[in-house]
Structure formats: structure tokens, C-alpha cells
């Protein structure tokens, strides 16, 4: 799960506890990669993925293919469901 965020974004700060809980709950099954859009890597990824809103979450399968994305908030149920579906494949 890629989270493109900014430390100055109120929505990003508000989502952090929920993302932290999900990361802890799914340890070993889910990798969360947080990238600050203010950094060089963040600017590159924002351009590459067409990111205009923070936070933006992009869920990738094990092969690195984008499965879905959401902006503004993360749907933890969707993350769990996506992990279960990818485990069946």
C-alpha cells in the first residue's frame, strides 16, 4: 500500500492513526510505504501516478500492479478484502 502524503496535510495527519492500526494488524501481510510529496521521490511518484490530492492511497498486488486507489481516506475493509482475494490467486 503506497500512501502519498504530506506532513502539512490535515487529512494526512487525521488518517495516520487508522493507517498505523491497519499496518500493525496486518503485519506480515501488508507493507505500507509512506512517501512525502514534498520529497524528490514524492514529486516523482506524484507525477508518475497523476496524484493531485493528499492523502492518496494506492493498493498494489504482489506483482506490483495497481489494483485500486483512494483519495482522502483509506477504506480498511477494502484493504482486508483485497488481501484475501490476492491470497486466493
N, C-alpha and C. Protein backbone atom coordinates (compact mmCIF):
# COMPACT_ATOMS: atom_id res chain seq x y z
N UNK A 1 0.86 -1.17 0.00
CA UNK A 1 0.00 0.00 0.00
C UNK A 1 0.89 1.22 0.00
N UNK A 2 0.76 2.03 -1.00
CA UNK A 2 1.52 3.27 -1.10
C UNK A 2 0.64 4.41 -0.60
N UNK A 3 1.15 5.17 0.37
CA UNK A 3 0.45 6.35 0.86
C UNK A 3 1.26 7.57 0.47
N UNK A 4 0.71 8.38 -0.40
CA UNK A 4 1.35 9.64 -0.78
C UNK A 4 0.71 10.72 0.08
N UNK A 5 1.55 11.36 0.90
CA UNK A 5 1.03 12.27 1.91
C UNK A 5 1.98 13.44 2.12
N UNK A 6 1.55 14.34 2.98
CA UNK A 6 2.36 15.49 3.34
C UNK A 6 2.21 15.73 4.83
N UNK A 7 3.28 16.07 5.51
CA UNK A 7 3.16 16.34 6.95
C UNK A 7 2.36 17.61 7.24
N UNK A 8 2.07 18.40 6.22
CA UNK A 8 1.31 19.64 6.39
C UNK A 8 -0.16 19.47 6.03
N UNK A 9 -0.53 18.28 5.66
CA UNK A 9 -1.90 17.97 5.23
C UNK A 9 -2.71 17.49 6.43
N UNK A 10 -3.78 18.22 6.77
CA UNK A 10 -4.60 17.85 7.92
C UNK A 10 -5.26 16.49 7.74
N UNK A 11 -5.71 16.19 6.52
CA UNK A 11 -6.30 14.88 6.25
C UNK A 11 -5.30 13.75 6.44
N UNK A 12 -4.05 14.01 6.05
CA UNK A 12 -2.99 13.00 6.22
C UNK A 12 -2.73 12.74 7.70
N UNK A 13 -2.66 13.80 8.46
CA UNK A 13 -2.44 13.68 9.91
C UNK A 13 -3.61 12.94 10.55
N UNK A 14 -4.83 13.25 10.12
CA UNK A 14 -6.01 12.60 10.66
C UNK A 14 -6.06 11.11 10.33
N UNK A 15 -5.57 10.71 9.15
CA UNK A 15 -5.60 9.31 8.72
C UNK A 15 -4.49 8.47 9.34
N UNK A 16 -3.44 9.11 9.82
CA UNK A 16 -2.27 8.38 10.31
C UNK A 16 -2.59 7.32 11.35
N UNK A 17 -3.38 7.60 12.40
CA UNK A 17 -3.66 6.55 13.38
C UNK A 17 -4.37 5.33 12.78
N UNK A 18 -5.29 5.55 11.86
CA UNK A 18 -6.01 4.44 11.23
C UNK A 18 -5.06 3.60 10.37
N UNK A 19 -4.19 4.26 9.63
CA UNK A 19 -3.23 3.55 8.79
C UNK A 19 -2.23 2.79 9.67
N UNK A 20 -1.80 3.41 10.75
CA UNK A 20 -0.89 2.74 11.69
C UNK A 20 -1.53 1.49 12.27
N UNK A 21 -2.80 1.57 12.67
CA UNK A 21 -3.51 0.41 13.23
C UNK A 21 -3.61 -0.71 12.20
N UNK A 22 -3.95 -0.35 10.97
CA UNK A 22 -4.08 -1.34 9.91
C UNK A 22 -2.74 -2.00 9.62
N UNK A 23 -1.69 -1.21 9.59
CA UNK A 23 -0.35 -1.74 9.35
C UNK A 23 0.04 -2.73 10.45
N UNK A 24 -0.26 -2.40 11.69
CA UNK A 24 0.05 -3.28 12.82
C UNK A 24 -0.78 -4.55 12.77
N UNK A 25 -2.06 -4.41 12.50
CA UNK A 25 -2.97 -5.55 12.43
C UNK A 25 -2.57 -6.54 11.33
N UNK A 26 -2.12 -6.01 10.20
CA UNK A 26 -1.82 -6.84 9.03
C UNK A 26 -0.32 -7.07 8.83
N UNK A 27 0.44 -6.91 9.88
CA UNK A 27 1.89 -7.11 9.81
C UNK A 27 2.19 -8.48 9.20
N UNK A 28 3.08 -8.49 8.25
CA UNK A 28 3.43 -9.73 7.57
C UNK A 28 2.59 -9.99 6.33
N UNK A 29 1.48 -9.28 6.21
CA UNK A 29 0.59 -9.45 5.06
C UNK A 29 0.53 -8.19 4.21
N UNK A 30 0.77 -7.05 4.84
CA UNK A 30 0.65 -5.76 4.16
C UNK A 30 1.89 -4.92 4.45
N UNK A 31 2.43 -4.34 3.41
CA UNK A 31 3.53 -3.39 3.55
C UNK A 31 2.98 -2.01 3.22
N UNK A 32 3.13 -1.08 4.14
CA UNK A 32 2.70 0.30 3.92
C UNK A 32 3.95 1.12 3.64
N UNK A 33 3.94 1.80 2.52
CA UNK A 33 5.06 2.67 2.15
C UNK A 33 4.54 4.09 2.11
N UNK A 34 4.99 4.90 3.06
CA UNK A 34 4.56 6.30 3.13
C UNK A 34 5.60 7.17 2.44
N UNK A 35 5.14 8.04 1.56
CA UNK A 35 6.05 8.92 0.84
C UNK A 35 5.52 10.35 0.95
N UNK A 36 6.39 11.25 1.38
CA UNK A 36 6.07 12.66 1.50
C UNK A 36 6.14 13.31 0.11
N UNK A 37 5.05 13.93 -0.30
CA UNK A 37 5.03 14.57 -1.62
C UNK A 37 5.99 15.74 -1.74
N UNK A 38 6.48 16.24 -0.61
CA UNK A 38 7.45 17.32 -0.64
C UNK A 38 8.86 16.84 -1.02
N UNK A 39 9.09 15.54 -0.91
CA UNK A 39 10.42 14.98 -1.21
C UNK A 39 10.59 14.78 -2.71
N UNK A 40 11.83 14.58 -3.13
CA UNK A 40 12.10 14.32 -4.55
C UNK A 40 11.39 13.05 -5.01
N UNK A 41 11.43 12.01 -4.19
CA UNK A 41 10.75 10.76 -4.52
C UNK A 41 9.24 10.99 -4.62
N UNK A 42 8.71 11.77 -3.69
CA UNK A 42 7.28 12.06 -3.68
C UNK A 42 6.83 12.83 -4.92
N UNK A 43 7.60 13.81 -5.32
CA UNK A 43 7.26 14.57 -6.53
C UNK A 43 7.29 13.67 -7.76
N UNK A 44 8.27 12.78 -7.81
CA UNK A 44 8.38 11.85 -8.94
C UNK A 44 7.17 10.91 -8.98
N UNK A 45 6.81 10.35 -7.82
CA UNK A 45 5.66 9.44 -7.77
C UNK A 45 4.35 10.17 -8.07
N UNK A 46 4.22 11.39 -7.58
CA UNK A 46 3.00 12.17 -7.85
C UNK A 46 2.84 12.39 -9.35
N UNK A 47 3.93 12.68 -10.02
CA UNK A 47 3.90 12.85 -11.47
C UNK A 47 3.59 11.53 -12.17
N UNK A 48 4.25 10.48 -11.74
CA UNK A 48 4.09 9.16 -12.35
C UNK A 48 2.66 8.65 -12.23
N UNK A 49 2.03 8.87 -11.07
CA UNK A 49 0.69 8.34 -10.82
C UNK A 49 -0.42 9.38 -10.94
N UNK A 50 -0.07 10.60 -11.32
CA UNK A 50 -1.08 11.63 -11.50
C UNK A 50 -1.78 12.04 -10.21
N UNK A 51 -1.04 12.14 -9.14
CA UNK A 51 -1.61 12.46 -7.83
C UNK A 51 -1.83 13.96 -7.70
N UNK A 52 -3.03 14.33 -7.32
CA UNK A 52 -3.36 15.74 -7.12
C UNK A 52 -3.91 16.01 -5.73
N UNK A 53 -4.27 14.98 -4.98
CA UNK A 53 -4.90 15.12 -3.68
C UNK A 53 -4.13 14.29 -2.66
N UNK A 54 -3.96 14.85 -1.45
CA UNK A 54 -3.36 14.07 -0.37
C UNK A 54 -4.36 13.94 0.76
N UNK A 55 -4.35 12.82 1.46
CA UNK A 55 -3.55 11.66 1.14
C UNK A 55 -4.17 10.87 0.00
N UNK A 56 -3.34 10.21 -0.77
CA UNK A 56 -3.79 9.25 -1.78
C UNK A 56 -3.17 7.91 -1.44
N UNK A 57 -4.00 6.87 -1.47
CA UNK A 57 -3.56 5.51 -1.18
C UNK A 57 -3.69 4.70 -2.46
N UNK A 58 -2.63 3.99 -2.80
CA UNK A 58 -2.65 3.12 -3.98
C UNK A 58 -2.30 1.71 -3.52
N UNK A 59 -3.20 0.78 -3.80
CA UNK A 59 -3.01 -0.62 -3.40
C UNK A 59 -2.45 -1.39 -4.59
N UNK A 60 -1.33 -2.05 -4.36
CA UNK A 60 -0.68 -2.86 -5.39
C UNK A 60 -0.76 -4.33 -5.00
N UNK A 61 -0.88 -5.20 -6.00
CA UNK A 61 -0.83 -6.63 -5.70
C UNK A 61 0.62 -7.06 -5.53
N UNK A 62 0.83 -8.33 -5.26
CA UNK A 62 2.18 -8.83 -5.01
C UNK A 62 3.11 -8.67 -6.20
N UNK A 63 2.54 -8.60 -7.41
CA UNK A 63 3.35 -8.43 -8.61
C UNK A 63 3.65 -6.96 -8.90
N UNK A 64 3.13 -6.06 -8.06
CA UNK A 64 3.39 -4.64 -8.26
C UNK A 64 2.42 -3.94 -9.18
N UNK A 65 1.30 -4.60 -9.49
CA UNK A 65 0.28 -3.99 -10.35
C UNK A 65 -0.71 -3.21 -9.50
N UNK A 66 -1.03 -2.00 -9.92
CA UNK A 66 -2.01 -1.21 -9.20
C UNK A 66 -3.38 -1.88 -9.29
N UNK A 67 -4.01 -2.06 -8.13
CA UNK A 67 -5.33 -2.68 -8.07
C UNK A 67 -6.43 -1.63 -7.90
N UNK A 68 -6.18 -0.64 -7.07
CA UNK A 68 -7.14 0.43 -6.86
C UNK A 68 -6.46 1.56 -6.11
N UNK A 69 -7.15 2.70 -6.05
CA UNK A 69 -6.64 3.84 -5.30
C UNK A 69 -7.80 4.58 -4.67
N UNK A 70 -7.49 5.30 -3.62
CA UNK A 70 -8.49 6.16 -2.98
C UNK A 70 -7.80 7.43 -2.52
N UNK A 71 -8.55 8.51 -2.54
CA UNK A 71 -8.02 9.80 -2.13
C UNK A 71 -8.83 10.31 -0.95
N UNK A 72 -8.13 10.91 0.00
CA UNK A 72 -8.79 11.50 1.15
C UNK A 72 -8.85 10.60 2.36
N UNK A 73 -9.27 9.37 2.17
CA UNK A 73 -9.28 8.43 3.28
C UNK A 73 -9.12 7.01 2.77
N UNK A 74 -8.73 6.15 3.69
CA UNK A 74 -8.47 4.76 3.36
C UNK A 74 -9.59 3.89 3.90
N UNK A 75 -10.07 3.00 3.07
CA UNK A 75 -11.11 2.05 3.45
C UNK A 75 -10.42 0.76 3.92
N UNK A 76 -10.35 0.57 5.23
CA UNK A 76 -9.65 -0.59 5.80
C UNK A 76 -10.31 -1.90 5.37
N UNK A 77 -11.63 -1.91 5.24
CA UNK A 77 -12.33 -3.12 4.82
C UNK A 77 -11.89 -3.51 3.40
N UNK A 78 -11.76 -2.52 2.55
CA UNK A 78 -11.33 -2.79 1.17
C UNK A 78 -9.91 -3.36 1.15
N UNK A 79 -9.04 -2.86 2.01
CA UNK A 79 -7.67 -3.38 2.09
C UNK A 79 -7.71 -4.85 2.50
N UNK A 80 -8.46 -5.16 3.56
CA UNK A 80 -8.55 -6.56 4.03
C UNK A 80 -9.11 -7.47 2.95
N UNK A 81 -10.17 -7.02 2.27
CA UNK A 81 -10.78 -7.81 1.20
C UNK A 81 -9.80 -8.03 0.06
N UNK A 82 -9.08 -7.00 -0.30
CA UNK A 82 -8.09 -7.12 -1.40
C UNK A 82 -7.00 -8.11 -1.03
N UNK A 83 -6.56 -8.09 0.23
CA UNK A 83 -5.53 -9.04 0.66
C UNK A 83 -6.05 -10.48 0.59
N UNK A 84 -7.29 -10.69 1.02
CA UNK A 84 -7.89 -12.03 0.97
C UNK A 84 -8.02 -12.53 -0.46
N UNK A 85 -8.44 -11.62 -1.34
CA UNK A 85 -8.61 -12.00 -2.76
C UNK A 85 -7.27 -12.33 -3.40
N UNK A 86 -6.24 -11.57 -3.08
CA UNK A 86 -4.93 -11.84 -3.68
C UNK A 86 -4.32 -13.12 -3.11
N UNK A 87 -4.69 -13.49 -1.88
CA UNK A 87 -4.18 -14.73 -1.29
C UNK A 87 -4.80 -15.95 -1.96
N UNK A 88 -6.01 -15.80 -2.50
CA UNK A 88 -6.70 -16.91 -3.17
C UNK A 88 -6.09 -17.22 -4.53
N UNK A 89 -5.46 -16.23 -5.14
CA UNK A 89 -4.93 -16.39 -6.51
C UNK A 89 -3.69 -17.23 -6.54
